[in-house]
């Protein structure tokens, strides 16, 4: 995985952006199934999807009962698309490759957490905008 700094601006076409999203999601019933080979394969799947879509992984941790993903995305990719692609492909591939996951009605809950993060605070942006009238 290439080294990427979380405050590095992305230059693409006519847009300069810094869109970093922190996602957290869990398996159905918060079962501790993300261990061993399943966790390793999940990490591979997430890396593949991010590479295909030119999303840059800043950090990722796969815990037995939840996943943290901190990713830099393009302005045209909304967070719901990102998580839908990752959870959808991961569920499909993992359930085919690891039959023990078929015990769960679905691999993931439909919910997730997402938060944005940049290199300046909300208060700094508000102050900057307020000063524009002066």
Protein backbone atom coordinates (compact mmCIF):
# COMPACT_ATOMS: atom_id res chain seq x y z
CA UNK A 1 0.00 0.00 0.00
CA UNK A 2 1.44 3.38 -1.04
CA UNK A 3 2.23 5.96 1.62
CA UNK A 4 -0.41 8.68 1.69
CA UNK A 5 -0.54 11.63 4.04
CA UNK A 6 -4.07 12.46 5.28
CA UNK A 7 -3.58 16.20 4.70
CA UNK A 8 -2.34 15.76 1.13
CA UNK A 9 -4.60 17.52 -1.37
CA UNK A 10 -5.91 15.51 -4.32
CA UNK A 11 -5.54 17.21 -7.73
CA UNK A 12 -7.82 15.73 -10.39
CA UNK A 13 -9.06 17.49 -13.50
CA UNK A 14 -10.39 20.87 -12.47
CA UNK A 15 -10.85 20.01 -8.78
CA UNK A 16 -8.58 20.19 -5.77
CA UNK A 17 -9.99 18.32 -2.79
CA UNK A 18 -9.31 16.89 0.63
CA UNK A 19 -12.15 14.51 1.45
CA UNK A 20 -11.21 12.04 4.18
CA UNK A 21 -13.93 9.74 5.48
CA UNK A 22 -13.80 7.59 8.62
CA UNK A 23 -16.12 4.59 8.30
CA UNK A 24 -17.05 2.05 10.97
CA UNK A 25 -19.31 -0.92 10.32
CA UNK A 26 -20.15 -4.20 12.03
CA UNK A 27 -21.15 -7.77 11.19
CA UNK A 28 -24.74 -8.81 11.77
CA UNK A 29 -25.46 -9.26 15.49
CA UNK A 30 -21.94 -7.92 16.14
CA UNK A 31 -20.61 -11.46 15.86
CA UNK A 32 -16.84 -11.78 16.24
CA UNK A 33 -16.30 -13.39 12.83
CA UNK A 34 -13.65 -11.05 11.38
CA UNK A 35 -10.64 -13.09 12.48
CA UNK A 36 -7.81 -15.06 10.88
CA UNK A 37 -8.18 -15.79 7.17
CA UNK A 38 -11.52 -13.96 7.01
CA UNK A 39 -9.93 -10.73 8.29
CA UNK A 40 -7.00 -11.11 5.90
CA UNK A 41 -9.30 -11.67 2.92
CA UNK A 42 -11.49 -8.74 3.95
CA UNK A 43 -8.44 -6.49 3.99
CA UNK A 44 -7.50 -7.68 0.48
CA UNK A 45 -11.02 -7.01 -0.81
CA UNK A 46 -11.10 -3.51 0.68
CA UNK A 47 -7.67 -2.72 -0.82
CA UNK A 48 -8.79 -3.98 -4.25
CA UNK A 49 -11.96 -1.86 -4.24
CA UNK A 50 -10.09 1.24 -3.09
CA UNK A 51 -7.42 0.75 -5.76
CA UNK A 52 -10.05 0.27 -8.51
CA UNK A 53 -11.83 3.49 -7.49
CA UNK A 54 -8.68 5.54 -6.80
CA UNK A 55 -9.56 5.95 -3.13
CA UNK A 56 -6.50 6.24 -0.91
CA UNK A 57 -6.46 4.25 2.32
CA UNK A 58 -5.08 6.33 5.17
CA UNK A 59 -5.69 3.73 7.87
CA UNK A 60 -7.58 0.48 8.29
CA UNK A 61 -8.17 -1.82 11.26
CA UNK A 62 -10.20 -4.99 11.15
CA UNK A 63 -11.32 -5.98 14.63
CA UNK A 64 -13.18 -9.26 15.35
CA UNK A 65 -16.54 -7.45 15.55
CA UNK A 66 -16.09 -4.22 13.57
CA UNK A 67 -14.07 -2.48 10.87
CA UNK A 68 -12.48 0.98 10.84
CA UNK A 69 -11.58 2.46 7.46
CA UNK A 70 -10.10 5.96 7.01
CA UNK A 71 -10.04 6.74 3.31
CA UNK A 72 -9.44 9.71 1.02
CA UNK A 73 -11.99 9.90 -1.81
CA UNK A 74 -12.66 11.87 -4.96
CA UNK A 75 -15.28 14.65 -4.87
CA UNK A 76 -17.61 12.67 -7.17
CA UNK A 77 -17.75 9.68 -4.78
CA UNK A 78 -20.24 10.10 -1.99
CA UNK A 79 -19.81 8.17 1.28
CA UNK A 80 -22.91 6.02 0.73
CA UNK A 81 -21.47 4.78 -2.58
CA UNK A 82 -18.13 3.97 -0.97
CA UNK A 83 -19.60 1.91 1.87
CA UNK A 84 -22.17 0.23 -0.41
CA UNK A 85 -19.45 -0.97 -2.79
CA UNK A 86 -17.18 -2.20 0.00
CA UNK A 87 -19.83 -3.93 2.09
CA UNK A 88 -21.56 -5.41 -0.96
CA UNK A 89 -18.51 -6.99 -2.57
CA UNK A 90 -17.01 -8.05 0.76
CA UNK A 91 -20.22 -9.82 1.78
CA UNK A 92 -20.55 -11.58 -1.56
CA UNK A 93 -16.94 -12.77 -1.74
CA UNK A 94 -16.53 -13.68 1.93
CA UNK A 95 -19.76 -15.68 2.12
CA UNK A 96 -18.75 -17.67 -0.99
CA UNK A 97 -15.22 -18.31 0.26
CA UNK A 98 -16.05 -18.98 3.94
CA UNK A 99 -19.21 -21.13 4.28
CA UNK A 100 -19.25 -20.64 8.07
CA UNK A 101 -20.41 -17.06 7.41
CA UNK A 102 -23.63 -18.43 5.89
CA UNK A 103 -24.85 -19.04 9.46
CA UNK A 104 -25.56 -15.30 9.65
CA UNK A 105 -28.65 -14.09 7.74
CA UNK A 106 -26.41 -11.39 6.20
CA UNK A 107 -22.76 -10.60 6.82
CA UNK A 108 -23.22 -6.90 7.66
CA UNK A 109 -25.84 -4.85 9.43
CA UNK A 110 -27.38 -2.24 7.10
CA UNK A 111 -26.04 0.59 9.25
CA UNK A 112 -22.65 2.27 9.38
CA UNK A 113 -20.90 5.29 10.88
CA UNK A 114 -19.20 7.90 8.71
CA UNK A 115 -17.45 11.11 9.66
CA UNK A 116 -15.37 13.57 7.69
CA UNK A 117 -11.93 14.72 8.70
CA UNK A 118 -9.62 17.28 7.19
CA UNK A 119 -6.59 19.24 8.18
CA UNK A 120 -8.52 22.19 9.66
CA UNK A 121 -11.29 22.38 12.22
CA UNK A 122 -14.93 23.31 11.69
CA UNK A 123 -14.37 26.44 13.75
CA UNK A 124 -11.49 27.53 11.49
CA UNK A 125 -13.71 27.19 8.40
CA UNK A 126 -16.52 29.17 10.06
CA UNK A 127 -14.07 31.94 11.00
CA UNK A 128 -12.60 32.01 7.48
CA UNK A 129 -16.06 32.34 5.90
CA UNK A 130 -17.12 35.02 8.39
CA UNK A 131 -14.01 37.08 7.53
CA UNK A 132 -14.83 37.10 3.81
CA UNK A 133 -17.27 40.03 4.18
CA UNK A 134 -14.68 42.31 5.71
